[in-house]
Amino acid sequence: MSDTLRAAVVGLGIGKVHIQEYAARDDIDVVGIVDPSAEALAAGAKLCGARTFTDLDAMLAEAKPHVVTLATPPHLHADQTEACVAAG
């Protein structure tokens, strides 16, 4: 198993800070970012070169992250957490 952690970030408001911190590390690879805004996704991709998604389930299925940062409004966390757990 590789020592590189596969990370994803959902929500690119404050999530941009998480992307920058992850991208600065050699032991973390940002494999997916999720946001409904094409503009936010383009800005996020510039920070780390990760694949972009508008759908959490699609990102989980295709990018297969080890860890997911939910940087979305708190009322969305329960459903998003359940999706992440279900995806493994």
PDB file of N, CA and C in Angstrom:
ATOM      1  N   MET A   1       0.844  -1.196   0.000  1.00  0.00           N
ATOM      2  CA  MET A   1       0.000   0.000   0.000  1.00  0.00           C
ATOM      3  C   MET A   1       0.879   1.245   0.000  1.00  0.00           C
ATOM      4  N   SER A   2       0.489   2.215  -0.764  1.00  0.00           N
ATOM      5  CA  SER A   2       1.212   3.467  -0.859  1.00  0.00           C
ATOM      6  C   SER A   2       1.046   4.273   0.419  1.00  0.00           C
ATOM      7  N   ASP A   3       2.054   5.072   0.736  1.00  0.00           N
ATOM      8  CA  ASP A   3       1.975   5.948   1.903  1.00  0.00           C
ATOM      9  C   ASP A   3       1.274   7.256   1.576  1.00  0.00           C
ATOM     10  N   THR A   4       0.859   7.437   0.335  1.00  0.00           N
ATOM     11  CA  THR A   4       0.193   8.670  -0.071  1.00  0.00           C
ATOM     12  C   THR A   4      -1.295   8.571   0.218  1.00  0.00           C
ATOM     13  N   LEU A   5      -1.795   9.540   0.970  1.00  0.00           N
ATOM     14  CA  LEU A   5      -3.207   9.603   1.307  1.00  0.00           C
ATOM     15  C   LEU A   5      -3.969  10.235   0.152  1.00  0.00           C
ATOM     16  N   ARG A   6      -5.038   9.590  -0.290  1.00  0.00           N
ATOM     17  CA  ARG A   6      -5.891  10.107  -1.364  1.00  0.00           C
ATOM     18  C   ARG A   6      -7.014  10.922  -0.715  1.00  0.00           C
ATOM     19  N   ALA A   7      -6.990  12.234  -0.903  1.00  0.00           N
ATOM     20  CA  ALA A   7      -7.952  13.130  -0.257  1.00  0.00           C
ATOM     21  C   ALA A   7      -8.886  13.764  -1.275  1.00  0.00           C
ATOM     22  N   ALA A   8     -10.089  14.062  -0.814  1.00  0.00           N
ATOM     23  CA  ALA A   8     -11.057  14.809  -1.621  1.00  0.00           C
ATOM     24  C   ALA A   8     -11.636  15.913  -0.758  1.00  0.00           C
ATOM     25  N   VAL A   9     -12.061  16.970  -1.408  1.00  0.00           N
ATOM     26  CA  VAL A   9     -12.660  18.110  -0.714  1.00  0.00           C
ATOM     27  C   VAL A   9     -14.010  18.400  -1.353  1.00  0.00           C
ATOM     28  N   VAL A  10     -15.029  18.509  -0.511  1.00  0.00           N
ATOM     29  CA  VAL A  10     -16.384  18.803  -0.958  1.00  0.00           C
ATOM     30  C   VAL A  10     -16.757  20.182  -0.416  1.00  0.00           C
ATOM     31  N   GLY A  11     -17.044  21.102  -1.314  1.00  0.00           N
ATOM     32  CA  GLY A  11     -17.373  22.473  -0.928  1.00  0.00           C
ATOM     33  C   GLY A  11     -16.138  23.343  -1.055  1.00  0.00           C
ATOM     34  N   LEU A  12     -16.172  24.280  -1.972  1.00  0.00           N
ATOM     35  CA  LEU A  12     -14.970  25.047  -2.263  1.00  0.00           C
ATOM     36  C   LEU A  12     -15.043  26.495  -1.822  1.00  0.00           C
ATOM     37  N   GLY A  13     -15.782  26.735  -0.748  1.00  0.00           N
ATOM     38  CA  GLY A  13     -15.677  28.020  -0.057  1.00  0.00           C
ATOM     39  C   GLY A  13     -14.434  27.898   0.815  1.00  0.00           C
ATOM     40  N   ILE A  14     -14.636  27.552   2.071  1.00  0.00           N
ATOM     41  CA  ILE A  14     -13.520  27.308   2.988  1.00  0.00           C
ATOM     42  C   ILE A  14     -12.725  26.083   2.555  1.00  0.00           C
ATOM     43  N   GLY A  15     -13.304  25.241   1.732  1.00  0.00           N
ATOM     44  CA  GLY A  15     -12.601  24.065   1.244  1.00  0.00           C
ATOM     45  C   GLY A  15     -11.337  24.401   0.476  1.00  0.00           C
ATOM     46  N   LYS A  16     -11.254  25.605  -0.091  1.00  0.00           N
ATOM     47  CA  LYS A  16     -10.045  26.012  -0.807  1.00  0.00           C
ATOM     48  C   LYS A  16      -8.830  26.010   0.125  1.00  0.00           C
ATOM     49  N   VAL A  17      -9.059  26.361   1.392  1.00  0.00           N
ATOM     50  CA  VAL A  17      -7.965  26.346   2.370  1.00  0.00           C
ATOM     51  C   VAL A  17      -7.477  24.910   2.574  1.00  0.00           C
ATOM     52  N   HIS A  18      -8.399  23.965   2.657  1.00  0.00           N
ATOM     53  CA  HIS A  18      -8.028  22.561   2.807  1.00  0.00           C
ATOM     54  C   HIS A  18      -7.246  22.085   1.578  1.00  0.00           C
ATOM     55  N   ILE A  19      -7.697  22.465   0.393  1.00  0.00           N
ATOM     56  CA  ILE A  19      -6.989  22.087  -0.825  1.00  0.00           C
ATOM     57  C   ILE A  19      -5.558  22.603  -0.799  1.00  0.00           C
ATOM     58  N   GLN A  20      -5.380  23.862  -0.424  1.00  0.00           N
ATOM     59  CA  GLN A  20      -4.037  24.445  -0.381  1.00  0.00           C
ATOM     60  C   GLN A  20      -3.140  23.697   0.607  1.00  0.00           C
ATOM     61  N   GLU A  21      -3.690  23.373   1.769  1.00  0.00           N
ATOM     62  CA  GLU A  21      -2.898  22.658   2.773  1.00  0.00           C
ATOM     63  C   GLU A  21      -2.549  21.252   2.307  1.00  0.00           C
ATOM     64  N   TYR A  22      -3.520  20.551   1.725  1.00  0.00           N
ATOM     65  CA  TYR A  22      -3.252  19.210   1.209  1.00  0.00           C
ATOM     66  C   TYR A  22      -2.222  19.261   0.080  1.00  0.00           C
ATOM     67  N   ALA A  23      -2.392  20.194  -0.842  1.00  0.00           N
ATOM     68  CA  ALA A  23      -1.516  20.286  -2.007  1.00  0.00           C
ATOM     69  C   ALA A  23      -0.075  20.613  -1.620  1.00  0.00           C
ATOM     70  N   ALA A  24       0.125  21.239  -0.486  1.00  0.00           N
ATOM     71  CA  ALA A  24       1.463  21.600  -0.026  1.00  0.00           C
ATOM     72  C   ALA A  24       2.228  20.407   0.551  1.00  0.00           C
ATOM     73  N   ARG A  25       1.553  19.299   0.739  1.00  0.00           N
ATOM     74  CA  ARG A  25       2.174  18.117   1.353  1.00  0.00           C
ATOM     75  C   ARG A  25       2.521  17.067   0.298  1.00  0.00           C
ATOM     76  N   ASP A  26       3.654  16.426   0.493  1.00  0.00           N
ATOM     77  CA  ASP A  26       4.092  15.371  -0.416  1.00  0.00           C
ATOM     78  C   ASP A  26       3.383  14.048  -0.166  1.00  0.00           C
ATOM     79  N   ASP A  27       2.791  13.893   1.014  1.00  0.00           N
ATOM     80  CA  ASP A  27       2.169  12.620   1.374  1.00  0.00           C
ATOM     81  C   ASP A  27       0.654  12.608   1.171  1.00  0.00           C
ATOM     82  N   ILE A  28       0.129  13.662   0.541  1.00  0.00           N
ATOM     83  CA  ILE A  28      -1.312  13.747   0.255  1.00  0.00           C
ATOM     84  C   ILE A  28      -1.502  14.087  -1.213  1.00  0.00           C
ATOM     85  N   ASP A  29      -2.386  13.334  -1.859  1.00  0.00           N
ATOM     86  CA  ASP A  29      -2.745  13.587  -3.254  1.00  0.00           C
ATOM     87  C   ASP A  29      -4.228  13.943  -3.288  1.00  0.00           C
ATOM     88  N   VAL A  30      -4.549  15.150  -3.726  1.00  0.00           N
ATOM     89  CA  VAL A  30      -5.952  15.551  -3.850  1.00  0.00           C
ATOM     90  C   VAL A  30      -6.475  14.922  -5.140  1.00  0.00           C
ATOM     91  N   VAL A  31      -7.394  13.969  -4.977  1.00  0.00           N
ATOM     92  CA  VAL A  31      -7.865  13.187  -6.128  1.00  0.00           C
ATOM     93  C   VAL A  31      -9.225  13.628  -6.646  1.00  0.00           C
ATOM     94  N   GLY A  32      -9.915  14.490  -5.894  1.00  0.00           N
ATOM     95  CA  GLY A  32     -11.219  14.959  -6.351  1.00  0.00           C
ATOM     96  C   GLY A  32     -11.694  16.151  -5.548  1.00  0.00           C
ATOM     97  N   ILE A  33     -12.360  17.052  -6.235  1.00  0.00           N
ATOM     98  CA  ILE A  33     -13.011  18.184  -5.579  1.00  0.00           C
ATOM     99  C   ILE A  33     -14.438  18.270  -6.099  1.00  0.00           C
ATOM    100  N   VAL A  34     -15.344  18.661  -5.208  1.00  0.00           N
ATOM    101  CA  VAL A  34     -16.773  18.673  -5.547  1.00  0.00           C
ATOM    102  C   VAL A  34     -17.369  20.028  -5.183  1.00  0.00           C
ATOM    103  N   ASP A  35     -18.115  20.596  -6.110  1.00  0.00           N
ATOM    104  CA  ASP A  35     -18.840  21.838  -5.867  1.00  0.00           C
ATOM    105  C   ASP A  35     -19.855  21.996  -7.001  1.00  0.00           C
ATOM    106  N   PRO A  36     -20.989  22.623  -6.733  1.00  0.00           N
ATOM    107  CA  PRO A  36     -21.956  22.844  -7.818  1.00  0.00           C
ATOM    108  C   PRO A  36     -21.543  23.960  -8.781  1.00  0.00           C
ATOM    109  N   SER A  37     -20.572  24.762  -8.397  1.00  0.00           N
ATOM    110  CA  SER A  37     -20.170  25.918  -9.193  1.00  0.00           C
ATOM    111  C   SER A  37     -18.993  25.595 -10.110  1.00  0.00           C
ATOM    112  N   ALA A  38     -19.184  25.766 -11.406  1.00  0.00           N
ATOM    113  CA  ALA A  38     -18.104  25.541 -12.367  1.00  0.00           C
ATOM    114  C   ALA A  38     -16.937  26.491 -12.106  1.00  0.00           C
ATOM    115  N   GLU A  39     -17.244  27.711 -11.709  1.00  0.00           N
ATOM    116  CA  GLU A  39     -16.202  28.702 -11.421  1.00  0.00           C
ATOM    117  C   GLU A  39     -15.359  28.264 -10.221  1.00  0.00           C
ATOM    118  N   ALA A  40     -16.021  27.802  -9.164  1.00  0.00           N
ATOM    119  CA  ALA A  40     -15.301  27.331  -7.977  1.00  0.00           C
ATOM    120  C   ALA A  40     -14.452  26.108  -8.308  1.00  0.00           C
ATOM    121  N   LEU A  41     -14.997  25.202  -9.122  1.00  0.00           N
ATOM    122  CA  LEU A  41     -14.239  24.013  -9.512  1.00  0.00           C
ATOM    123  C   LEU A  41     -12.993  24.376 -10.318  1.00  0.00           C
ATOM    124  N   ALA A  42     -13.124  25.325 -11.212  1.00  0.00           N
ATOM    125  CA  ALA A  42     -11.973  25.750 -12.014  1.00  0.00           C
ATOM    126  C   ALA A  42     -10.892  26.349 -11.114  1.00  0.00           C
ATOM    127  N   ALA A  43     -11.294  27.172 -10.155  1.00  0.00           N
ATOM    128  CA  ALA A  43     -10.326  27.769  -9.224  1.00  0.00           C
ATOM    129  C   ALA A  43      -9.680  26.696  -8.353  1.00  0.00           C
ATOM    130  N   GLY A  44     -10.468  25.736  -7.883  1.00  0.00           N
ATOM    131  CA  GLY A  44      -9.932  24.652  -7.059  1.00  0.00           C
ATOM    132  C   GLY A  44      -8.962  23.785  -7.829  1.00  0.00           C
ATOM    133  N   ALA A  45      -9.294  23.481  -9.070  1.00  0.00           N
ATOM    134  CA  ALA A  45      -8.422  22.652  -9.900  1.00  0.00           C
ATOM    135  C   ALA A  45      -7.083  23.339 -10.152  1.00  0.00           C
ATOM    136  N   LYS A  46      -7.084  24.665 -10.250  1.00  0.00           N
ATOM    137  CA  LYS A  46      -5.829  25.403 -10.428  1.00  0.00           C
ATOM    138  C   LYS A  46      -4.909  25.222  -9.225  1.00  0.00           C
ATOM    139  N   LEU A  47      -5.510  25.052  -8.053  1.00  0.00           N
ATOM    140  CA  LEU A  47      -4.713  24.913  -6.833  1.00  0.00           C
ATOM    141  C   LEU A  47      -4.033  23.552  -6.719  1.00  0.00           C
ATOM    142  N   CYS A  48      -4.666  22.515  -7.282  1.00  0.00           N
ATOM    143  CA  CYS A  48      -4.136  21.174  -7.016  1.00  0.00           C
ATOM    144  C   CYS A  48      -4.163  20.231  -8.208  1.00  0.00           C
ATOM    145  N   GLY A  49      -4.815  20.604  -9.287  1.00  0.00           N
ATOM    146  CA  GLY A  49      -4.869  19.737 -10.456  1.00  0.00           C
ATOM    147  C   GLY A  49      -5.782  18.532 -10.314  1.00  0.00           C
ATOM    148  N   ALA A  50      -6.610  18.519  -9.297  1.00  0.00           N
ATOM    149  CA  ALA A  50      -7.499  17.372  -9.058  1.00  0.00           C
ATOM    150  C   ALA A  50      -8.633  17.329 -10.067  1.00  0.00           C
ATOM    151  N   ARG A  51      -9.213  16.134 -10.215  1.00  0.00           N
ATOM    152  CA  ARG A  51     -10.426  15.981 -11.024  1.00  0.00           C
ATOM    153  C   ARG A  51     -11.554  16.738 -10.345  1.00  0.00           C
ATOM    154  N   THR A  52     -12.449  17.265 -11.147  1.00  0.00           N
ATOM    155  CA  THR A  52     -13.564  18.044 -10.612  1.00  0.00           C
ATOM    156  C   THR A  52     -14.880  17.313 -10.833  1.00  0.00           C
ATOM    157  N   PHE A  53     -15.784  17.501  -9.887  1.00  0.00           N
ATOM    158  CA  PHE A  53     -17.085  16.851  -9.925  1.00  0.00           C
ATOM    159  C   PHE A  53     -18.144  17.812  -9.393  1.00  0.00           C
ATOM    160  N   THR A  54     -19.347  17.689  -9.913  1.00  0.00           N
ATOM    161  CA  THR A  54     -20.483  18.424  -9.350  1.00  0.00           C
ATOM    162  C   THR A  54     -21.337  17.510  -8.486  1.00  0.00           C
ATOM    163  N   ASP A  55     -20.979  16.224  -8.434  1.00  0.00           N
ATOM    164  CA  ASP A  55     -21.780  15.237  -7.709  1.00  0.00           C
ATOM    165  C   ASP A  55     -20.892  14.423  -6.772  1.00  0.00           C
ATOM    166  N   LEU A  56     -21.233  14.390  -5.492  1.00  0.00           N
ATOM    167  CA  LEU A  56     -20.458  13.665  -4.492  1.00  0.00           C
ATOM    168  C   LEU A  56     -20.375  12.179  -4.810  1.00  0.00           C
ATOM    169  N   ASP A  57     -21.495  11.551  -5.125  1.00  0.00           N
ATOM    170  CA  ASP A  57     -21.500  10.113  -5.392  1.00  0.00           C
ATOM    171  C   ASP A  57     -20.601   9.754  -6.573  1.00  0.00           C
ATOM    172  N   ALA A  58     -20.613  10.571  -7.615  1.00  0.00           N
ATOM    173  CA  ALA A  58     -19.748  10.318  -8.769  1.00  0.00           C
ATOM    174  C   ALA A  58     -18.279  10.423  -8.375  1.00  0.00           C
ATOM    175  N   MET A  59     -17.939  11.434  -7.566  1.00  0.00           N
ATOM    176  CA  MET A  59     -16.558  11.580  -7.131  1.00  0.00           C
ATOM    177  C   MET A  59     -16.128  10.378  -6.303  1.00  0.00           C
ATOM    178  N   LEU A  60     -16.975   9.943  -5.375  1.00  0.00           N
ATOM    179  CA  LEU A  60     -16.625   8.805  -4.528  1.00  0.00           C
ATOM    180  C   LEU A  60     -16.378   7.547  -5.367  1.00  0.00           C
ATOM    181  N   ALA A  61     -17.221   7.337  -6.363  1.00  0.00           N
ATOM    182  CA  ALA A  61     -17.106   6.145  -7.205  1.00  0.00           C
ATOM    183  C   ALA A  61     -15.877   6.189  -8.106  1.00  0.00           C
ATOM    184  N   GLU A  62     -15.549   7.355  -8.629  1.00  0.00           N
ATOM    185  CA  GLU A  62     -14.481   7.457  -9.614  1.00  0.00           C
ATOM    186  C   GLU A  62     -13.116   7.770  -9.004  1.00  0.00           C
ATOM    187  N   ALA A  63     -13.063   8.663  -8.024  1.00  0.00           N
ATOM    188  CA  ALA A  63     -11.779   9.087  -7.461  1.00  0.00           C
ATOM    189  C   ALA A  63     -11.307   8.176  -6.325  1.00  0.00           C
ATOM    190  N   LYS A  64     -12.237   7.510  -5.669  1.00  0.00           N
ATOM    191  CA  LYS A  64     -11.927   6.580  -4.585  1.00  0.00           C
ATOM    192  C   LYS A  64     -10.967   7.157  -3.535  1.00  0.00           C
ATOM    193  N   PRO A  65     -11.361   8.257  -2.895  1.00  0.00           N
ATOM    194  CA  PRO A  65     -10.486   8.859  -1.883  1.00  0.00           C
ATOM    195  C   PRO A  65     -10.430   8.018  -0.602  1.00  0.00           C
ATOM    196  N   HIS A  66      -9.345   8.177   0.133  1.00  0.00           N
ATOM    197  CA  HIS A  66      -9.222   7.566   1.459  1.00  0.00           C
ATOM    198  C   HIS A  66      -9.928   8.422   2.511  1.00  0.00           C
ATOM    199  N   VAL A  67      -9.909   9.728   2.301  1.00  0.00           N
ATOM    200  CA  VAL A  67     -10.474  10.682   3.248  1.00  0.00           C
ATOM    201  C   VAL A  67     -11.192  11.778   2.472  1.00  0.00           C
ATOM    202  N   VAL A  68     -12.290  12.271   3.060  1.00  0.00           N
ATOM    203  CA  VAL A  68     -13.069  13.328   2.426  1.00  0.00           C
ATOM    204  C   VAL A  68     -13.277  14.456   3.431  1.00  0.00           C
ATOM    205  N   THR A  69     -12.906  15.662   3.041  1.00  0.00           N
ATOM    206  CA  THR A  69     -13.189  16.839   3.850  1.00  0.00           C
ATOM    207  C   THR A  69     -14.526  17.404   3.400  1.00  0.00           C
ATOM    208  N   LEU A  70     -15.471  17.498   4.332  1.00  0.00           N
ATOM    209  CA  LEU A  70     -16.774  18.096   4.035  1.00  0.00           C
ATOM    210  C   LEU A  70     -16.735  19.555   4.480  1.00  0.00           C
ATOM    211  N   ALA A  71     -16.503  20.430   3.532  1.00  0.00           N
ATOM    212  CA  ALA A  71     -16.427  21.863   3.791  1.00  0.00           C
ATOM    213  C   ALA A  71     -17.687  22.527   3.240  1.00  0.00           C
ATOM    214  N   THR A  72     -18.805  21.928   3.573  1.00  0.00           N
ATOM    215  CA  THR A  72     -20.118  22.365   3.109  1.00  0.00           C
ATOM    216  C   THR A  72     -20.914  22.882   4.306  1.00  0.00           C
ATOM    217  N   PRO A  73     -22.062  23.488   4.073  1.00  0.00           N
ATOM    218  CA  PRO A  73     -22.893  23.922   5.190  1.00  0.00           C
ATOM    219  C   PRO A  73     -23.249  22.729   6.100  1.00  0.00           C
ATOM    220  N   PRO A  74     -23.229  22.940   7.399  1.00  0.00           N
ATOM    221  CA  PRO A  74     -23.454  21.857   8.362  1.00  0.00           C
ATOM    222  C   PRO A  74     -24.718  21.029   8.135  1.00  0.00           C
ATOM    223  N   HIS A  75     -25.775  21.632   7.639  1.00  0.00           N
ATOM    224  CA  HIS A  75     -27.010  20.865   7.460  1.00  0.00           C
ATOM    225  C   HIS A  75     -26.884  19.787   6.372  1.00  0.00           C
ATOM    226  N   LEU A  76     -25.834  19.836   5.578  1.00  0.00           N
ATOM    227  CA  LEU A  76     -25.599  18.833   4.540  1.00  0.00           C
ATOM    228  C   LEU A  76     -24.717  17.678   5.015  1.00  0.00           C
ATOM    229  N   HIS A  77     -24.064  17.841   6.147  1.00  0.00           N
ATOM    230  CA  HIS A  77     -23.055  16.878   6.587  1.00  0.00           C
ATOM    231  C   HIS A  77     -23.583  15.471   6.829  1.00  0.00           C
ATOM    232  N   ALA A  78     -24.752  15.329   7.405  1.00  0.00           N
ATOM    233  CA  ALA A  78     -25.261  13.985   7.734  1.00  0.00           C
ATOM    234  C   ALA A  78     -25.410  13.139   6.469  1.00  0.00           C
ATOM    235  N   ASP A  79     -26.099  13.666   5.476  1.00  0.00           N
ATOM    236  CA  ASP A  79     -26.303  12.912   4.231  1.00  0.00           C
ATOM    237  C   ASP A  79     -24.981  12.670   3.507  1.00  0.00           C
ATOM    238  N   GLN A  80     -24.108  13.663   3.503  1.00  0.00           N
ATOM    239  CA  GLN A  80     -22.821  13.508   2.833  1.00  0.00           C
ATOM    240  C   GLN A  80     -21.941  12.482   3.551  1.00  0.00           C
ATOM    241  N   THR A  81     -21.978  12.497   4.870  1.00  0.00           N
ATOM    242  CA  THR A  81     -21.218  11.512   5.650  1.00  0.00           C
ATOM    243  C   THR A  81     -21.731  10.108   5.371  1.00  0.00           C
ATOM    244  N   GLU A  82     -23.034   9.949   5.310  1.00  0.00           N
ATOM    245  CA  GLU A  82     -23.622   8.631   5.002  1.00  0.00           C
ATOM    246  C   GLU A  82     -23.181   8.162   3.625  1.00  0.00           C
ATOM    247  N   ALA A  83     -23.125   9.068   2.655  1.00  0.00           N
ATOM    248  CA  ALA A  83     -22.680   8.697   1.300  1.00  0.00           C
ATOM    249  C   ALA A  83     -21.229   8.246   1.317  1.00  0.00           C
ATOM    250  N   CYS A  84     -20.396   8.957   2.077  1.00  0.00           N
ATOM    251  CA  CYS A  84     -18.972   8.593   2.166  1.00  0.00           C
ATOM    252  C   CYS A  84     -18.794   7.230   2.824  1.00  0.00           C
ATOM    253  N   VAL A  85     -19.514   6.983   3.906  1.00  0.00           N
ATOM    254  CA  VAL A  85     -19.415   5.706   4.592  1.00  0.00           C
ATOM    255  C   VAL A  85     -19.901   4.586   3.683  1.00  0.00           C
ATOM    256  N   ALA A  86     -21.020   4.802   2.995  1.00  0.00           N
ATOM    257  CA  ALA A  86     -21.550   3.783   2.096  1.00  0.00           C
ATOM    258  C   ALA A  86     -20.580   3.451   0.966  1.00  0.00           C
ATOM    259  N   ALA A  87     -19.804   4.450   0.537  1.00  0.00           N
ATOM    260  CA  ALA A  87     -18.844   4.245  -0.545  1.00  0.00           C
ATOM    261  C   ALA A  87     -17.563   3.565  -0.056  1.00  0.00           C
ATOM    262  N   GLY A  88     -17.434   3.478   1.249  1.00  0.00           N
ATOM    263  CA  GLY A  88     -16.242   2.818   1.812  1.00  0.00           C
ATOM    264  C   GLY A  88     -15.141   3.760   2.092  1.00  0.00           C
TER     265      GLY A  88
END
